[in-house]
PDB file of N, CA and C in Angstrom:
ATOM      1  N   MET A   1       0.833  -1.179   0.000  1.00  0.00           N
ATOM      2  CA  MET A   1       0.000   0.000   0.000  1.00  0.00           C
ATOM      3  C   MET A   1       0.881   1.248   0.000  1.00  0.00           C
ATOM      4  N   GLU A   2       0.531   2.232  -0.857  1.00  0.00           N
ATOM      5  CA  GLU A   2       1.319   3.450  -0.947  1.00  0.00           C
ATOM      6  C   GLU A   2       1.123   4.323   0.281  1.00  0.00           C
ATOM      7  N   LYS A   3       2.172   4.991   0.666  1.00  0.00           N
ATOM      8  CA  LYS A   3       2.107   5.904   1.802  1.00  0.00           C
ATOM      9  C   LYS A   3       1.403   7.190   1.384  1.00  0.00           C
ATOM     10  N   MET A   4       0.395   7.590   2.138  1.00  0.00           N
ATOM     11  CA  MET A   4      -0.328   8.827   1.861  1.00  0.00           C
ATOM     12  C   MET A   4       0.106   9.894   2.867  1.00  0.00           C
ATOM     13  N   ILE A   5       0.305  11.095   2.381  1.00  0.00           N
ATOM     14  CA  ILE A   5       0.665  12.220   3.230  1.00  0.00           C
ATOM     15  C   ILE A   5      -0.388  13.300   3.022  1.00  0.00           C
ATOM     16  N   ASN A   6      -0.805  13.930   4.099  1.00  0.00           N
ATOM     17  CA  ASN A   6      -1.823  14.968   4.047  1.00  0.00           C
ATOM     18  C   ASN A   6      -1.131  16.321   4.162  1.00  0.00           C
ATOM     19  N   PHE A   7      -1.145  17.099   3.089  1.00  0.00           N
ATOM     20  CA  PHE A   7      -0.607  18.447   3.099  1.00  0.00           C
ATOM     21  C   PHE A   7      -1.762  19.422   3.013  1.00  0.00           C
ATOM     22  N   ASP A   8      -1.817  20.351   3.923  1.00  0.00           N
ATOM     23  CA  ASP A   8      -2.870  21.353   3.935  1.00  0.00           C
ATOM     24  C   ASP A   8      -2.226  22.712   3.677  1.00  0.00           C
ATOM     25  N   PHE A   9      -2.385  23.217   2.475  1.00  0.00           N
ATOM     26  CA  PHE A   9      -1.748  24.470   2.087  1.00  0.00           C
ATOM     27  C   PHE A   9      -2.596  25.697   2.407  1.00  0.00           C
ATOM     28  N   LYS A  10      -3.811  25.508   2.928  1.00  0.00           N
ATOM     29  CA  LYS A  10      -4.707  26.645   3.149  1.00  0.00           C
ATOM     30  C   LYS A  10      -4.188  27.608   4.218  1.00  0.00           C
ATOM     31  N   ASP A  11      -3.317  27.156   5.099  1.00  0.00           N
ATOM     32  CA  ASP A  11      -2.794  28.023   6.150  1.00  0.00           C
ATOM     33  C   ASP A  11      -1.515  28.756   5.744  1.00  0.00           C
ATOM     34  N   ILE A  12      -1.066  28.538   4.527  1.00  0.00           N
ATOM     35  CA  ILE A  12       0.161  29.178   4.058  1.00  0.00           C
ATOM     36  C   ILE A  12      -0.193  30.454   3.304  1.00  0.00           C
ATOM     37  N   ASP A  13       0.508  31.534   3.628  1.00  0.00           N
ATOM     38  CA  ASP A  13       0.332  32.795   2.915  1.00  0.00           C
ATOM     39  C   ASP A  13       1.251  32.772   1.698  1.00  0.00           C
ATOM     40  N   PHE A  14       0.675  32.626   0.530  1.00  0.00           N
ATOM     41  CA  PHE A  14       1.462  32.561  -0.694  1.00  0.00           C
ATOM     42  C   PHE A  14       1.785  33.950  -1.247  1.00  0.00           C
ATOM     43  N   LYS A  15       1.522  34.983  -0.464  1.00  0.00           N
ATOM     44  CA  LYS A  15       1.895  36.358  -0.799  1.00  0.00           C
ATOM     45  C   LYS A  15       1.399  36.775  -2.177  1.00  0.00           C
ATOM     46  N   GLY A  16       0.156  36.477  -2.453  1.00  0.00           N
ATOM     47  CA  GLY A  16      -0.425  36.899  -3.722  1.00  0.00           C
ATOM     48  C   GLY A  16      -0.301  35.875  -4.834  1.00  0.00           C
ATOM     49  N   GLY A  17       0.417  34.797  -4.593  1.00  0.00           N
ATOM     50  CA  GLY A  17       0.508  33.745  -5.596  1.00  0.00           C
ATOM     51  C   GLY A  17      -0.830  33.045  -5.754  1.00  0.00           C
ATOM     52  N   ILE A  18      -1.112  32.602  -6.950  1.00  0.00           N
ATOM     53  CA  ILE A  18      -2.372  31.933  -7.244  1.00  0.00           C
ATOM     54  C   ILE A  18      -2.102  30.443  -7.424  1.00  0.00           C
ATOM     55  N   ILE A  19      -2.735  29.640  -6.585  1.00  0.00           N
ATOM     56  CA  ILE A  19      -2.523  28.193  -6.648  1.00  0.00           C
ATOM     57  C   ILE A  19      -3.176  27.652  -7.910  1.00  0.00           C
ATOM     58  N   ARG A  20      -2.366  27.042  -8.747  1.00  0.00           N
ATOM     59  CA  ARG A  20      -2.855  26.432  -9.972  1.00  0.00           C
ATOM     60  C   ARG A  20      -3.206  24.969  -9.743  1.00  0.00           C
ATOM     61  N   TYR A  21      -2.442  24.315  -8.888  1.00  0.00           N
ATOM     62  CA  TYR A  21      -2.655  22.897  -8.610  1.00  0.00           C
ATOM     63  C   TYR A  21      -2.285  22.625  -7.170  1.00  0.00           C
ATOM     64  N   ASP A  22      -3.111  21.863  -6.467  1.00  0.00           N
ATOM     65  CA  ASP A  22      -2.875  21.534  -5.069  1.00  0.00           C
ATOM     66  C   ASP A  22      -3.373  20.120  -4.824  1.00  0.00           C
ATOM     67  N   SER A  23      -2.466  19.210  -4.560  1.00  0.00           N
ATOM     68  CA  SER A  23      -2.828  17.831  -4.257  1.00  0.00           C
ATOM     69  C   SER A  23      -2.877  17.672  -2.748  1.00  0.00           C
ATOM     70  N   TYR A  24      -4.066  17.859  -2.181  1.00  0.00           N
ATOM     71  CA  TYR A  24      -4.220  17.814  -0.729  1.00  0.00           C
ATOM     72  C   TYR A  24      -3.824  16.453  -0.173  1.00  0.00           C
ATOM     73  N   TYR A  25      -4.251  15.405  -0.813  1.00  0.00           N
ATOM     74  CA  TYR A  25      -3.826  14.061  -0.435  1.00  0.00           C
ATOM     75  C   TYR A  25      -2.854  13.580  -1.494  1.00  0.00           C
ATOM     76  N   LEU A  26      -1.724  13.170  -1.069  1.00  0.00           N
ATOM     77  CA  LEU A  26      -0.637  12.855  -1.990  1.00  0.00           C
ATOM     78  C   LEU A  26      -0.169  11.432  -1.783  1.00  0.00           C
ATOM     79  N   SER A  27      -0.012  10.713  -2.862  1.00  0.00           N
ATOM     80  CA  SER A  27       0.561   9.367  -2.758  1.00  0.00           C
ATOM     81  C   SER A  27       1.999   9.400  -3.252  1.00  0.00           C
ATOM     82  N   LEU A  28       2.722  10.411  -2.825  1.00  0.00           N
ATOM     83  CA  LEU A  28       4.132  10.612  -3.137  1.00  0.00           C
ATOM     84  C   LEU A  28       4.424  10.479  -4.624  1.00  0.00           C
ATOM     85  N   GLU A  29       3.896  11.436  -5.373  1.00  0.00           N
ATOM     86  CA  GLU A  29       4.146  11.553  -6.798  1.00  0.00           C
ATOM     87  C   GLU A  29       4.718  12.932  -7.074  1.00  0.00           C
ATOM     88  N   GLU A  30       5.205  13.128  -8.293  1.00  0.00           N
ATOM     89  CA  GLU A  30       5.837  14.393  -8.631  1.00  0.00           C
ATOM     90  C   GLU A  30       4.931  15.599  -8.472  1.00  0.00           C
ATOM     91  N   ASP A  31       3.737  15.554  -8.980  1.00  0.00           N
ATOM     92  CA  ASP A  31       2.853  16.715  -8.950  1.00  0.00           C
ATOM     93  C   ASP A  31       2.184  16.871  -7.596  1.00  0.00           C
ATOM     94  N   MET A  32       2.461  17.988  -6.953  1.00  0.00           N
ATOM     95  CA  MET A  32       1.976  18.213  -5.608  1.00  0.00           C
ATOM     96  C   MET A  32       1.389  19.611  -5.433  1.00  0.00           C
ATOM     97  N   LEU A  33       2.120  20.630  -5.897  1.00  0.00           N
ATOM     98  CA  LEU A  33       1.693  22.004  -5.728  1.00  0.00           C
ATOM     99  C   LEU A  33       2.281  22.846  -6.852  1.00  0.00           C
ATOM    100  N   ALA A  34       1.456  23.727  -7.399  1.00  0.00           N
ATOM    101  CA  ALA A  34       1.910  24.669  -8.417  1.00  0.00           C
ATOM    102  C   ALA A  34       1.291  26.025  -8.103  1.00  0.00           C
ATOM    103  N   VAL A  35       2.126  27.067  -8.030  1.00  0.00           N
ATOM    104  CA  VAL A  35       1.662  28.409  -7.672  1.00  0.00           C
ATOM    105  C   VAL A  35       2.218  29.414  -8.675  1.00  0.00           C
ATOM    106  N   ASP A  36       1.319  30.195  -9.279  1.00  0.00           N
ATOM    107  CA  ASP A  36       1.709  31.249 -10.221  1.00  0.00           C
ATOM    108  C   ASP A  36       1.886  32.564  -9.485  1.00  0.00           C
ATOM    109  N   TYR A  37       2.915  33.324  -9.894  1.00  0.00           N
ATOM    110  CA  TYR A  37       3.186  34.647  -9.350  1.00  0.00           C
ATOM    111  C   TYR A  37       3.277  35.669 -10.470  1.00  0.00           C
ATOM    112  N   PRO A  38       3.197  36.954 -10.094  1.00  0.00           N
ATOM    113  CA  PRO A  38       3.352  37.998 -11.110  1.00  0.00           C
ATOM    114  C   PRO A  38       4.745  37.961 -11.739  1.00  0.00           C
ATOM    115  N   HIS A  39       4.862  38.590 -12.861  1.00  0.00           N
ATOM    116  CA  HIS A  39       6.148  38.768 -13.538  1.00  0.00           C
ATOM    117  C   HIS A  39       6.791  37.451 -13.954  1.00  0.00           C
ATOM    118  N   GLY A  40       5.973  36.446 -14.233  1.00  0.00           N
ATOM    119  CA  GLY A  40       6.492  35.202 -14.799  1.00  0.00           C
ATOM    120  C   GLY A  40       7.055  34.205 -13.814  1.00  0.00           C
ATOM    121  N   PHE A  41       6.901  34.425 -12.512  1.00  0.00           N
ATOM    122  CA  PHE A  41       7.415  33.468 -11.531  1.00  0.00           C
ATOM    123  C   PHE A  41       6.419  32.342 -11.289  1.00  0.00           C
ATOM    124  N   PHE A  42       6.948  31.201 -10.905  1.00  0.00           N
ATOM    125  CA  PHE A  42       6.148  30.000 -10.711  1.00  0.00           C
ATOM    126  C   PHE A  42       6.851  29.131  -9.676  1.00  0.00           C
ATOM    127  N   ILE A  43       6.116  28.607  -8.699  1.00  0.00           N
ATOM    128  CA  ILE A  43       6.667  27.643  -7.745  1.00  0.00           C
ATOM    129  C   ILE A  43       6.048  26.287  -8.051  1.00  0.00           C
ATOM    130  N   ASP A  44       6.889  25.295  -8.192  1.00  0.00           N
ATOM    131  CA  ASP A  44       6.440  23.927  -8.449  1.00  0.00           C
ATOM    132  C   ASP A  44       7.031  23.028  -7.376  1.00  0.00           C
ATOM    133  N   ALA A  45       6.192  22.260  -6.697  1.00  0.00           N
ATOM    134  CA  ALA A  45       6.668  21.376  -5.634  1.00  0.00           C
ATOM    135  C   ALA A  45       6.181  19.959  -5.893  1.00  0.00           C
ATOM    136  N   GLY A  46       7.027  18.995  -5.541  1.00  0.00           N
ATOM    137  CA  GLY A  46       6.638  17.606  -5.711  1.00  0.00           C
ATOM    138  C   GLY A  46       7.585  16.651  -5.024  1.00  0.00           C
ATOM    139  N   TRP A  47       7.261  15.382  -5.149  1.00  0.00           N
ATOM    140  CA  TRP A  47       8.046  14.295  -4.576  1.00  0.00           C
ATOM    141  C   TRP A  47       8.843  13.659  -5.704  1.00  0.00           C
ATOM    142  N   TYR A  48      10.145  13.577  -5.546  1.00  0.00           N
ATOM    143  CA  TYR A  48      11.022  13.046  -6.584  1.00  0.00           C
ATOM    144  C   TYR A  48      11.860  11.912  -5.997  1.00  0.00           C
ATOM    145  N   GLN A  49      11.383  10.707  -6.119  1.00  0.00           N
ATOM    146  CA  GLN A  49      12.007   9.455  -5.703  1.00  0.00           C
ATOM    147  C   GLN A  49      12.194   9.322  -4.203  1.00  0.00           C
ATOM    148  N   ASP A  50      13.032  10.143  -3.598  1.00  0.00           N
ATOM    149  CA  ASP A  50      13.297   9.983  -2.168  1.00  0.00           C
ATOM    150  C   ASP A  50      13.302  11.299  -1.402  1.00  0.00           C
ATOM    151  N   LEU A  51      12.885  12.378  -2.063  1.00  0.00           N
ATOM    152  CA  LEU A  51      12.838  13.664  -1.373  1.00  0.00           C
ATOM    153  C   LEU A  51      11.873  14.607  -2.068  1.00  0.00           C
ATOM    154  N   PHE A  52      11.492  15.637  -1.337  1.00  0.00           N
ATOM    155  CA  PHE A  52      10.649  16.695  -1.889  1.00  0.00           C
ATOM    156  C   PHE A  52      11.554  17.708  -2.572  1.00  0.00           C
ATOM    157  N   LYS A  53      11.084  18.249  -3.690  1.00  0.00           N
ATOM    158  CA  LYS A  53      11.800  19.330  -4.360  1.00  0.00           C
ATOM    159  C   LYS A  53      10.827  20.449  -4.643  1.00  0.00           C
ATOM    160  N   ILE A  54      11.334  21.659  -4.465  1.00  0.00           N
ATOM    161  CA  ILE A  54      10.568  22.867  -4.754  1.00  0.00           C
ATOM    162  C   ILE A  54      11.401  23.693  -5.729  1.00  0.00           C
ATOM    163  N   TYR A  55      10.820  23.958  -6.878  1.00  0.00           N
ATOM    164  CA  TYR A  55      11.494  24.739  -7.910  1.00  0.00           C
ATOM    165  C   TYR A  55      10.867  26.118  -7.989  1.00  0.00           C
ATOM    166  N   VAL A  56      11.723  27.149  -8.101  1.00  0.00           N
ATOM    167  CA  VAL A  56      11.266  28.492  -8.418  1.00  0.00           C
ATOM    168  C   VAL A  56      11.703  28.743  -9.857  1.00  0.00           C
ATOM    169  N   ILE A  57      10.713  28.937 -10.720  1.00  0.00           N
ATOM    170  CA  ILE A  57      10.947  29.087 -12.147  1.00  0.00           C
ATOM    171  C   ILE A  57      10.503  30.486 -12.561  1.00  0.00           C
ATOM    172  N   ARG A  58      11.230  31.073 -13.505  1.00  0.00           N
ATOM    173  CA  ARG A  58      10.809  32.361 -14.062  1.00  0.00           C
ATOM    174  C   ARG A  58      10.767  32.256 -15.574  1.00  0.00           C
ATOM    175  N   ASP A  59       9.713  32.765 -16.139  1.00  0.00           N
ATOM    176  CA  ASP A  59       9.526  32.793 -17.589  1.00  0.00           C
ATOM    177  C   ASP A  59       9.653  31.412 -18.226  1.00  0.00           C
ATOM    178  N   CYS A  60       9.121  30.409 -17.550  1.00  0.00           N
ATOM    179  CA  CYS A  60       9.076  29.018 -18.059  1.00  0.00           C
ATOM    180  C   CYS A  60      10.462  28.438 -18.359  1.00  0.00           C
ATOM    181  N   ALA A  61      11.492  28.955 -17.734  1.00  0.00           N
ATOM    182  CA  ALA A  61      12.854  28.465 -17.966  1.00  0.00           C
ATOM    183  C   ALA A  61      13.151  27.289 -17.031  1.00  0.00           C
ATOM    184  N   TRP A  62      12.534  26.141 -17.301  1.00  0.00           N
ATOM    185  CA  TRP A  62      12.691  24.956 -16.461  1.00  0.00           C
ATOM    186  C   TRP A  62      14.125  24.440 -16.443  1.00  0.00           C
ATOM    187  N   ASP A  63      14.866  24.668 -17.516  1.00  0.00           N
ATOM    188  CA  ASP A  63      16.243  24.164 -17.578  1.00  0.00           C
ATOM    189  C   ASP A  63      17.211  24.989 -16.739  1.00  0.00           C
ATOM    190  N   VAL A  64      16.806  26.194 -16.354  1.00  0.00           N
ATOM    191  CA  VAL A  64      17.631  27.038 -15.480  1.00  0.00           C
ATOM    192  C   VAL A  64      16.753  27.657 -14.388  1.00  0.00           C
ATOM    193  N   PRO A  65      16.360  26.870 -13.390  1.00  0.00           N
ATOM    194  CA  PRO A  65      15.502  27.411 -12.330  1.00  0.00           C
ATOM    195  C   PRO A  65      16.205  28.521 -11.562  1.00  0.00           C
ATOM    196  N   GLU A  66      15.416  29.456 -11.062  1.00  0.00           N
ATOM    197  CA  GLU A  66      15.951  30.531 -10.228  1.00  0.00           C
ATOM    198  C   GLU A  66      16.504  29.974  -8.918  1.00  0.00           C
ATOM    199  N   ASN A  67      15.843  28.941  -8.388  1.00  0.00           N
ATOM    200  CA  ASN A  67      16.296  28.301  -7.157  1.00  0.00           C
ATOM    201  C   ASN A  67      15.621  26.938  -7.035  1.00  0.00           C
ATOM    202  N   VAL A  68      16.280  26.026  -6.325  1.00  0.00           N
ATOM    203  CA  VAL A  68      15.743  24.694  -6.062  1.00  0.00           C
ATOM    204  C   VAL A  68      15.958  24.393  -4.583  1.00  0.00           C
ATOM    205  N   TYR A  69      14.896  23.926  -3.923  1.00  0.00           N
ATOM    206  CA  TYR A  69      14.964  23.559  -2.509  1.00  0.00           C
ATOM    207  C   TYR A  69      14.676  22.067  -2.388  1.00  0.00           C
ATOM    208  N   GLU A  70      15.342  21.419  -1.446  1.00  0.00           N
ATOM    209  CA  GLU A  70      15.116  19.994  -1.201  1.00  0.00           C
ATOM    210  C   GLU A  70      14.773  19.771   0.263  1.00  0.00           C
ATOM    211  N   ALA A  71      13.883  18.805   0.503  1.00  0.00           N
ATOM    212  CA  ALA A  71      13.472  18.479   1.869  1.00  0.00           C
ATOM    213  C   ALA A  71      13.264  16.972   1.971  1.00  0.00           C
ATOM    214  N   HIS A  72      13.557  16.429   3.138  1.00  0.00           N
ATOM    215  CA  HIS A  72      13.452  14.986   3.343  1.00  0.00           C
ATOM    216  C   HIS A  72      12.238  14.560   4.161  1.00  0.00           C
ATOM    217  N   ASN A  73      11.533  15.540   4.743  1.00  0.00           N
ATOM    218  CA  ASN A  73      10.325  15.211   5.512  1.00  0.00           C
ATOM    219  C   ASN A  73       9.322  16.352   5.398  1.00  0.00           C
ATOM    220  N   ASP A  74       8.118  16.137   5.902  1.00  0.00           N
ATOM    221  CA  ASP A  74       7.069  17.130   5.717  1.00  0.00           C
ATOM    222  C   ASP A  74       7.348  18.432   6.465  1.00  0.00           C
ATOM    223  N   LYS A  75       7.944  18.373   7.636  1.00  0.00           N
ATOM    224  CA  LYS A  75       8.278  19.598   8.385  1.00  0.00           C
ATOM    225  C   LYS A  75       9.287  20.442   7.606  1.00  0.00           C
ATOM    226  N   GLU A  76      10.317  19.783   7.124  1.00  0.00           N
ATOM    227  CA  GLU A  76      11.331  20.478   6.337  1.00  0.00           C
ATOM    228  C   GLU A  76      10.734  21.006   5.025  1.00  0.00           C
ATOM    229  N   PHE A  77       9.792  20.254   4.461  1.00  0.00           N
ATOM    230  CA  PHE A  77       9.133  20.694   3.235  1.00  0.00           C
ATOM    231  C   PHE A  77       8.418  22.030   3.458  1.00  0.00           C
ATOM    232  N   TYR A  78       7.651  22.140   4.533  1.00  0.00           N
ATOM    233  CA  TYR A  78       6.951  23.396   4.829  1.00  0.00           C
ATOM    234  C   TYR A  78       7.938  24.548   5.012  1.00  0.00           C
ATOM    235  N   GLU A  79       9.035  24.302   5.714  1.00  0.00           N
ATOM    236  CA  GLU A  79      10.045  25.341   5.923  1.00  0.00           C
ATOM    237  C   GLU A  79      10.642  25.791   4.598  1.00  0.00           C
ATOM    238  N   LYS A  80      10.958  24.847   3.737  1.00  0.00           N
ATOM    239  CA  LYS A  80      11.548  25.165   2.431  1.00  0.00           C
ATOM    240  C   LYS A  80      10.539  25.866   1.525  1.00  0.00           C
ATOM    241  N   LEU A  81       9.268  25.487   1.625  1.00  0.00           N
ATOM    242  CA  LEU A  81       8.242  26.154   0.839  1.00  0.00           C
ATOM    243  C   LEU A  81       8.139  27.626   1.235  1.00  0.00           C
ATOM    244  N   LEU A  82       8.196  27.896   2.530  1.00  0.00           N
ATOM    245  CA  LEU A  82       8.171  29.290   2.989  1.00  0.00           C
ATOM    246  C   LEU A  82       9.390  30.054   2.495  1.00  0.00           C
ATOM    247  N   GLU A  83      10.544  29.393   2.466  1.00  0.00           N
ATOM    248  CA  GLU A  83      11.755  30.021   1.916  1.00  0.00           C
ATOM    249  C   GLU A  83      11.577  30.326   0.435  1.00  0.00           C
ATOM    250  N   ALA A  84      10.979  29.404  -0.307  1.00  0.00           N
ATOM    251  CA  ALA A  84      10.765  29.608  -1.743  1.00  0.00           C
ATOM    252  C   ALA A  84       9.817  30.777  -1.991  1.00  0.00           C
ATOM    253  N   ILE A  85       8.784  30.899  -1.170  1.00  0.00           N
ATOM    254  CA  ILE A  85       7.853  32.024  -1.299  1.00  0.00           C
ATOM    255  C   ILE A  85       8.581  33.334  -1.025  1.00  0.00           C
ATOM    256  N   LYS A  86       9.363  33.358   0.035  1.00  0.00           N
ATOM    257  CA  LYS A  86      10.133  34.561   0.372  1.00  0.00           C
ATOM    258  C   LYS A  86      11.105  34.910  -0.748  1.00  0.00           C
ATOM    259  N   PHE A  87      11.805  33.912  -1.248  1.00  0.00           N
ATOM    260  CA  PHE A  87      12.751  34.119  -2.343  1.00  0.00           C
ATOM    261  C   PHE A  87      12.040  34.724  -3.549  1.00  0.00           C
ATOM    262  N   THR A  88      10.899  34.154  -3.894  1.00  0.00           N
ATOM    263  CA  THR A  88      10.150  34.610  -5.058  1.00  0.00           C
ATOM    264  C   THR A  88       9.729  36.065  -4.909  1.00  0.00           C
ATOM    265  N   CYS A  89       9.314  36.453  -3.721  1.00  0.00           N
ATOM    266  CA  CYS A  89       8.785  37.796  -3.500  1.00  0.00           C
ATOM    267  C   CYS A  89       9.822  38.830  -3.088  1.00  0.00           C
ATOM    268  N   GLU A  90      10.879  38.432  -2.425  1.00  0.00           N
ATOM    269  CA  GLU A  90      11.795  39.414  -1.842  1.00  0.00           C
ATOM    270  C   GLU A  90      13.189  39.437  -2.438  1.00  0.00           C
ATOM    271  N   GLU A  91      13.676  38.352  -2.941  1.00  0.00           N
ATOM    272  CA  GLU A  91      15.054  38.314  -3.427  1.00  0.00           C
ATOM    273  C   GLU A  91      15.217  38.951  -4.796  1.00  0.00           C
ATOM    274  N   TYR A  92      14.115  39.189  -5.472  1.00  0.00           N
ATOM    275  CA  TYR A  92      14.168  39.803  -6.789  1.00  0.00           C
ATOM    276  C   TYR A  92      13.375  41.104  -6.793  1.00  0.00           C
ATOM    277  N   PRO A  93      13.910  42.158  -6.149  1.00  0.00           N
ATOM    278  CA  PRO A  93      13.164  43.412  -6.028  1.00  0.00           C
ATOM    279  C   PRO A  93      12.788  44.018  -7.380  1.00  0.00           C
ATOM    280  N   LYS A  94      13.551  43.764  -8.411  1.00  0.00           N
ATOM    281  CA  LYS A  94      13.206  44.344  -9.713  1.00  0.00           C
ATOM    282  C   LYS A  94      11.936  43.735 -10.288  1.00  0.00           C
ATOM    283  N   TYR A  95      11.529  42.552  -9.760  1.00  0.00           N
ATOM    284  CA  TYR A  95      10.302  41.922 -10.209  1.00  0.00           C
ATOM    285  C   TYR A  95       9.199  42.020  -9.154  1.00  0.00           C
ATOM    286  N   LYS A  96       9.542  42.576  -8.007  1.00  0.00           N
ATOM    287  CA  LYS A  96       8.612  42.614  -6.876  1.00  0.00           C
ATOM    288  C   LYS A  96       7.382  43.454  -7.204  1.00  0.00           C
ATOM    289  N   SER A  97       6.242  42.960  -6.805  1.00  0.00           N
ATOM    290  CA  SER A  97       5.000  43.711  -6.987  1.00  0.00           C
ATOM    291  C   SER A  97       4.365  43.939  -5.623  1.00  0.00           C
ATOM    292  N   ASN A  98       3.329  44.718  -5.582  1.00  0.00           N
ATOM    293  CA  ASN A  98       2.614  44.965  -4.324  1.00  0.00           C
ATOM    294  C   ASN A  98       1.998  43.686  -3.764  1.00  0.00           C
ATOM    295  N   MET A  99       1.809  42.664  -4.598  1.00  0.00           N
ATOM    296  CA  MET A  99       1.214  41.412  -4.132  1.00  0.00           C
ATOM    297  C   MET A  99       2.128  40.689  -3.155  1.00  0.00           C
ATOM    298  N   CYS A 100       3.404  40.930  -3.219  1.00  0.00           N
ATOM    299  CA  CYS A 100       4.366  40.163  -2.422  1.00  0.00           C
ATOM    300  C   CYS A 100       4.747  40.861  -1.128  1.00  0.00           C
ATOM    301  N   ILE A 101       3.885  41.633  -0.582  1.00  0.00           N
ATOM    302  CA  ILE A 101       4.185  42.348   0.677  1.00  0.00           C
ATOM    303  C   ILE A 101       3.734  41.522   1.852  1.00  0.00           C
TER     304      ILE A 101
END
């Protein structure tokens, strides 16, 4: 039987990001969470073989992500997701919008 993990993203402030995809119940597959941001930013999170990965992508440049975060458990995943949100909104002031305050 596959291991199921319950992720509840409703309590996370995505700072104006719009959730495109949210797999509340996950059977540890790649597609887990997708969030669109202004100015071409995108956060994609999923399970990749033995760890969680969170990609920050800009302008659909999947081959050169702005940043990649890795986590080995659900607690670390939430922490890394918050870092990715902060990175998306604060580390690139030239792309920052009022939504990311």
